[in-house]
Protein backbone atom coordinates (compact mmCIF):
# COMPACT_ATOMS: atom_id res chain seq x y z
CA UNK A 1 203.00 51.56 135.16
CA UNK A 2 201.64 48.13 133.11
CA UNK A 3 205.20 46.60 133.70
CA UNK A 4 205.58 47.72 137.30
CA UNK A 5 202.02 46.36 137.92
CA UNK A 6 202.83 43.24 136.34
CA UNK A 7 205.63 43.04 138.45
CA UNK A 8 203.45 43.78 141.60
CA UNK A 9 200.85 40.92 140.43
CA UNK A 10 203.80 38.28 140.24
CA UNK A 11 204.87 39.52 143.83
CA UNK A 12 201.07 38.84 144.99
CA UNK A 13 201.22 35.70 143.35
CA UNK A 14 204.65 34.55 144.89
CA UNK A 15 203.60 35.89 148.37
CA UNK A 16 200.44 33.88 148.27
CA UNK A 17 202.37 31.10 147.51
CA UNK A 18 204.59 31.19 149.89
CA UNK A 19 201.94 32.05 152.66
CA UNK A 20 200.09 28.83 151.64
CA UNK A 21 203.58 27.09 152.32
CA UNK A 22 203.88 28.29 155.38
CA UNK A 23 200.27 27.33 156.41
CA UNK A 24 201.37 23.80 155.15
CA UNK A 25 204.27 23.91 157.19
CA UNK A 26 202.36 24.84 160.16
CA UNK A 27 199.87 22.34 159.57
CA UNK A 28 202.43 19.55 159.97
CA UNK A 29 203.33 20.04 163.25
CA UNK A 30 199.28 19.46 163.96
CA UNK A 31 199.47 16.23 162.30
CA UNK A 32 201.83 14.97 164.96
CA UNK A 33 200.08 16.67 168.02
CA UNK A 34 197.24 14.98 166.89
CA UNK A 35 198.98 11.49 166.50
CA UNK A 36 200.30 12.19 170.01
CA UNK A 37 196.93 13.00 171.70
CA UNK A 38 195.81 9.65 170.01
CA UNK A 39 199.03 7.83 171.84
CA UNK A 40 198.19 9.65 175.02
CA UNK A 41 194.56 8.87 175.14
CA UNK A 42 195.05 5.06 174.35
CA UNK A 43 198.00 5.09 177.05
CA UNK A 44 195.75 6.62 179.46
CA UNK A 45 192.93 4.09 178.55
CA UNK A 46 195.16 0.99 179.21
CA UNK A 47 196.56 2.17 182.23
CA UNK A 48 192.88 3.03 183.71
CA UNK A 49 191.89 -0.92 182.86
CA UNK A 50 195.18 -2.12 184.40
CA UNK A 51 194.22 0.00 187.72
CA UNK A 52 190.79 -2.00 187.29
CA UNK A 53 191.78 -4.96 187.05
CA UNK A 54 194.25 -4.68 189.88
CA UNK A 55 191.13 -3.46 191.66
CA UNK A 56 189.19 -6.67 190.75
CA UNK A 57 192.16 -9.02 191.88
CA UNK A 58 192.36 -7.17 195.13
CA UNK A 59 188.29 -7.70 195.83
CA UNK A 60 188.51 -11.29 194.77
CA UNK A 61 191.07 -12.03 197.54
CA UNK A 62 188.96 -9.93 200.13
CA UNK A 63 186.55 -11.73 199.46
CA UNK A 64 188.65 -15.24 199.53
CA UNK A 65 189.96 -14.11 202.99
CA UNK A 66 186.47 -12.78 204.28
CA UNK A 67 185.16 -16.88 203.24
CA UNK A 68 188.04 -18.19 205.29
CA UNK A 69 186.96 -16.50 208.05
CA UNK A 70 183.53 -17.34 208.33
CA UNK A 71 184.07 -21.16 207.66
CA UNK A 72 186.66 -20.75 210.70
CA UNK A 73 184.32 -19.19 212.63
CA UNK A 74 181.52 -21.69 211.58
CA UNK A 75 183.63 -24.74 212.56
CA UNK A 76 184.32 -22.89 216.05
CA UNK A 77 180.73 -22.46 216.46
CA UNK A 78 179.71 -26.14 215.48
CA UNK A 79 181.95 -27.45 218.15
CA UNK A 80 180.31 -24.72 220.62
CA UNK A 81 176.62 -26.38 219.44
CA UNK A 82 177.97 -29.44 221.02
CA UNK A 83 177.76 -27.79 224.69
CA UNK A 84 174.61 -25.71 224.45
CA UNK A 85 172.71 -26.69 227.72
CA UNK A 86 169.61 -24.93 226.95
CA UNK A 87 167.46 -24.84 223.50
CA UNK A 88 167.62 -20.94 223.37
CA UNK A 89 171.50 -21.09 223.46
CA UNK A 90 171.58 -23.57 220.61
CA UNK A 91 169.12 -21.60 218.48
CA UNK A 92 171.12 -18.87 218.74
CA UNK A 93 174.30 -20.20 217.86
CA UNK A 94 172.60 -22.12 214.83
CA UNK A 95 171.33 -18.32 214.04
CA UNK A 96 174.68 -17.20 213.94
CA UNK A 97 176.17 -20.38 211.81
CA UNK A 98 173.04 -19.52 209.48
CA UNK A 99 174.17 -16.00 209.38
CA UNK A 100 177.72 -16.86 208.63
CA UNK A 101 176.73 -19.45 205.72
CA UNK A 102 174.63 -16.65 203.97
CA UNK A 103 177.63 -14.35 204.05
CA UNK A 104 180.13 -16.99 202.30
CA UNK A 105 177.26 -17.35 199.82
CA UNK A 106 177.20 -13.64 198.99
CA UNK A 107 181.06 -13.66 199.43
CA UNK A 108 181.26 -16.30 196.55
CA UNK A 109 179.05 -14.23 194.15
CA UNK A 110 181.12 -11.43 194.96
CA UNK A 111 184.49 -13.30 194.25
CA UNK A 112 182.96 -15.04 191.45
CA UNK A 113 182.01 -11.45 189.81
CA UNK A 114 185.80 -10.01 190.88
CA UNK A 115 187.58 -12.90 189.23
CA UNK A 116 185.62 -12.59 185.97
CA UNK A 117 185.59 -8.37 186.00
CA UNK A 118 189.54 -9.44 186.44
CA UNK A 119 190.07 -12.10 183.68
CA UNK A 120 187.99 -9.62 181.54
CA UNK A 121 190.46 -6.68 182.37
CA UNK A 122 193.41 -8.60 181.38
CA UNK A 123 192.08 -9.22 177.97
CA UNK A 124 190.95 -5.44 177.67
CA UNK A 125 194.45 -4.93 179.09
CA UNK A 126 196.26 -7.01 176.22
CA UNK A 127 194.37 -5.41 173.50
CA UNK A 128 195.02 -1.90 174.47
CA UNK A 129 198.53 -2.54 174.92
CA UNK A 130 198.92 -3.67 171.28
CA UNK A 131 196.93 -0.59 170.49
CA UNK A 132 199.03 1.83 172.09
CA UNK A 133 202.00 0.08 170.62
CA UNK A 134 200.37 0.37 167.39
CA UNK A 135 199.34 4.34 167.63
CA UNK A 136 203.00 4.68 169.13
CA UNK A 137 204.29 2.96 165.63
CA UNK A 138 202.17 5.36 163.59
CA UNK A 139 203.69 8.45 165.74
CA UNK A 140 206.79 7.54 164.46
CA UNK A 141 205.84 7.06 160.83
CA UNK A 142 204.14 10.86 161.34
CA UNK A 143 207.01 12.02 162.51
CA UNK A 144 209.26 10.97 159.50
CA UNK A 145 206.68 11.83 157.09
CA UNK A 146 206.30 15.55 158.62
CA UNK A 147 210.20 15.80 159.11
CA UNK A 148 210.68 14.86 155.46
CA UNK A 149 207.98 16.82 154.28
CA UNK A 150 208.83 19.57 156.15
CA UNK A 151 212.49 19.55 154.75
CA UNK A 152 210.93 19.79 151.12
CA UNK A 153 208.53 22.60 151.94
CA UNK A 154 211.35 24.52 153.97
CA UNK A 155 214.04 24.54 150.72
CA UNK A 156 210.33 25.54 148.54
CA UNK A 157 209.46 28.09 151.07
CA UNK A 158 213.19 29.58 150.58
CA UNK A 159 213.69 29.46 147.17
CA UNK A 160 210.51 31.55 146.68
CA UNK A 161 211.75 34.08 149.33
CA UNK A 162 215.26 34.12 147.27
CA UNK A 163 212.32 34.96 144.02
CA UNK A 164 210.37 37.66 146.16
CA UNK A 165 213.82 39.24 147.33
CA UNK A 166 215.19 39.49 143.90
CA UNK A 167 211.74 40.80 142.32
CA UNK A 168 211.51 43.43 144.96
CA UNK A 169 214.90 44.79 143.75
CA UNK A 170 213.03 45.50 140.36
CA UNK A 171 209.98 46.91 141.35
CA UNK A 172 209.89 51.20 141.95
CA UNK A 173 210.30 51.78 145.75
CA UNK A 174 207.06 53.97 145.14
CA UNK A 175 204.39 51.12 144.16
CA UNK A 176 206.55 48.64 146.24
CA UNK A 177 205.90 51.10 149.50
CA UNK A 178 202.13 51.54 148.29
CA UNK A 179 202.08 47.35 147.97
CA UNK A 180 203.41 46.48 151.13
CA UNK A 181 201.46 48.97 153.18
CA UNK A 182 197.87 47.36 151.77
CA UNK A 183 199.82 44.04 152.71
CA UNK A 184 200.20 45.21 156.09
CA UNK A 185 196.19 45.74 156.48
CA UNK A 186 196.24 42.16 156.70
CA UNK A 187 195.21 42.07 152.93
CA UNK A 188 196.63 39.14 150.71
CA UNK A 189 195.97 40.60 147.40
CA UNK A 190 196.82 43.94 147.51
CA UNK A 191 196.38 44.14 143.73
CA UNK A 192 193.40 43.30 141.82
CA UNK A 193 192.75 43.23 138.23
CA UNK A 194 189.88 44.97 136.59
CA UNK A 195 187.47 43.28 134.60
CA UNK A 196 184.55 44.79 132.29
CA UNK A 197 185.15 47.64 134.85
CA UNK A 198 184.62 45.28 137.72
CA UNK A 199 186.81 45.04 140.47
CA UNK A 200 188.00 41.46 140.87
CA UNK A 201 188.93 42.07 144.35
CA UNK A 202 185.43 43.27 145.75
CA UNK A 203 183.12 42.43 142.34
CA UNK A 204 182.44 46.59 142.40
CA UNK A 205 182.06 48.64 139.43
CA UNK A 206 184.28 50.99 138.78
CA UNK A 207 183.53 54.60 137.41
CA UNK A 208 184.47 55.53 133.87
CA UNK A 209 186.98 57.93 135.14
CA UNK A 210 188.84 55.15 137.16
CA UNK A 211 188.96 53.31 134.19
CA UNK A 212 190.31 55.97 131.91
CA UNK A 213 192.81 56.49 134.58
CA UNK A 214 194.00 53.30 134.09
CA UNK A 215 193.89 53.02 130.69
CA UNK A 216 196.53 55.96 130.64
CA UNK A 217 198.66 54.22 132.74
CA UNK A 218 200.60 57.31 134.34
CA UNK A 219 199.77 56.74 137.78
CA UNK A 220 198.70 53.94 140.72
CA UNK A 221 194.45 53.91 140.51
CA UNK A 222 192.87 52.42 144.09
CA UNK A 223 189.56 50.77 143.79
CA UNK A 224 187.27 53.47 145.82
CA UNK A 225 185.16 50.26 147.12
CA UNK A 226 188.13 47.99 148.56
CA UNK A 227 191.39 50.26 148.66
CA UNK A 228 193.14 47.96 146.59
CA UNK A 229 195.40 49.01 143.40
CA UNK A 230 194.03 48.12 140.49
CA UNK A 231 195.21 46.64 136.89
CA UNK A 232 193.25 46.40 133.71
CA UNK A 233 192.90 42.88 133.07
CA UNK A 234 194.65 42.02 129.18
């Protein structure tokens, strides 16, 4: 039984290494997804800045058109001012001219603000497009690295799976079935060593009777606390 337990311990260690390699392989895909999210976010921000730049340029164009229309209206009103017959009519037209001039001043300020915003956004777009390109380059490098790492992990996994298959052939059916049953209960360590009468799986002290059964080595002995298979720590 001692030899069988040693084989089961070896099998357990191989399975633990396999589980870690599979987790490492799964983590590689996470690296790619994370970098893809970085690229997508930078692309989204760059597109948003481009839309804002276009809107700022449109606002500047609209204010320029409004200014031109107001100036044309002022020119027309100035012609009419010379033909006014009463002071009341003259004052009314003059008030309208002043109102248009106030609008022009407001639109000039808005136009300058919009032009400055468009210029700033143009610089932001240039910078963001460079960041997008750098992120895409990094993504491609991550994909290449992940592909290489994955090939190596797959090679190691296949090698360990072959070792596990060979080792399982050497273990008697009864103990092997007990090991598989415990593993099926989501337990990564079905077998635990006993050191100084303490189960190293749950750190519970075993009874003297359990220790005697282990020392005889005629049967599989289980921890009364965690249910793991036990073997004496040599």
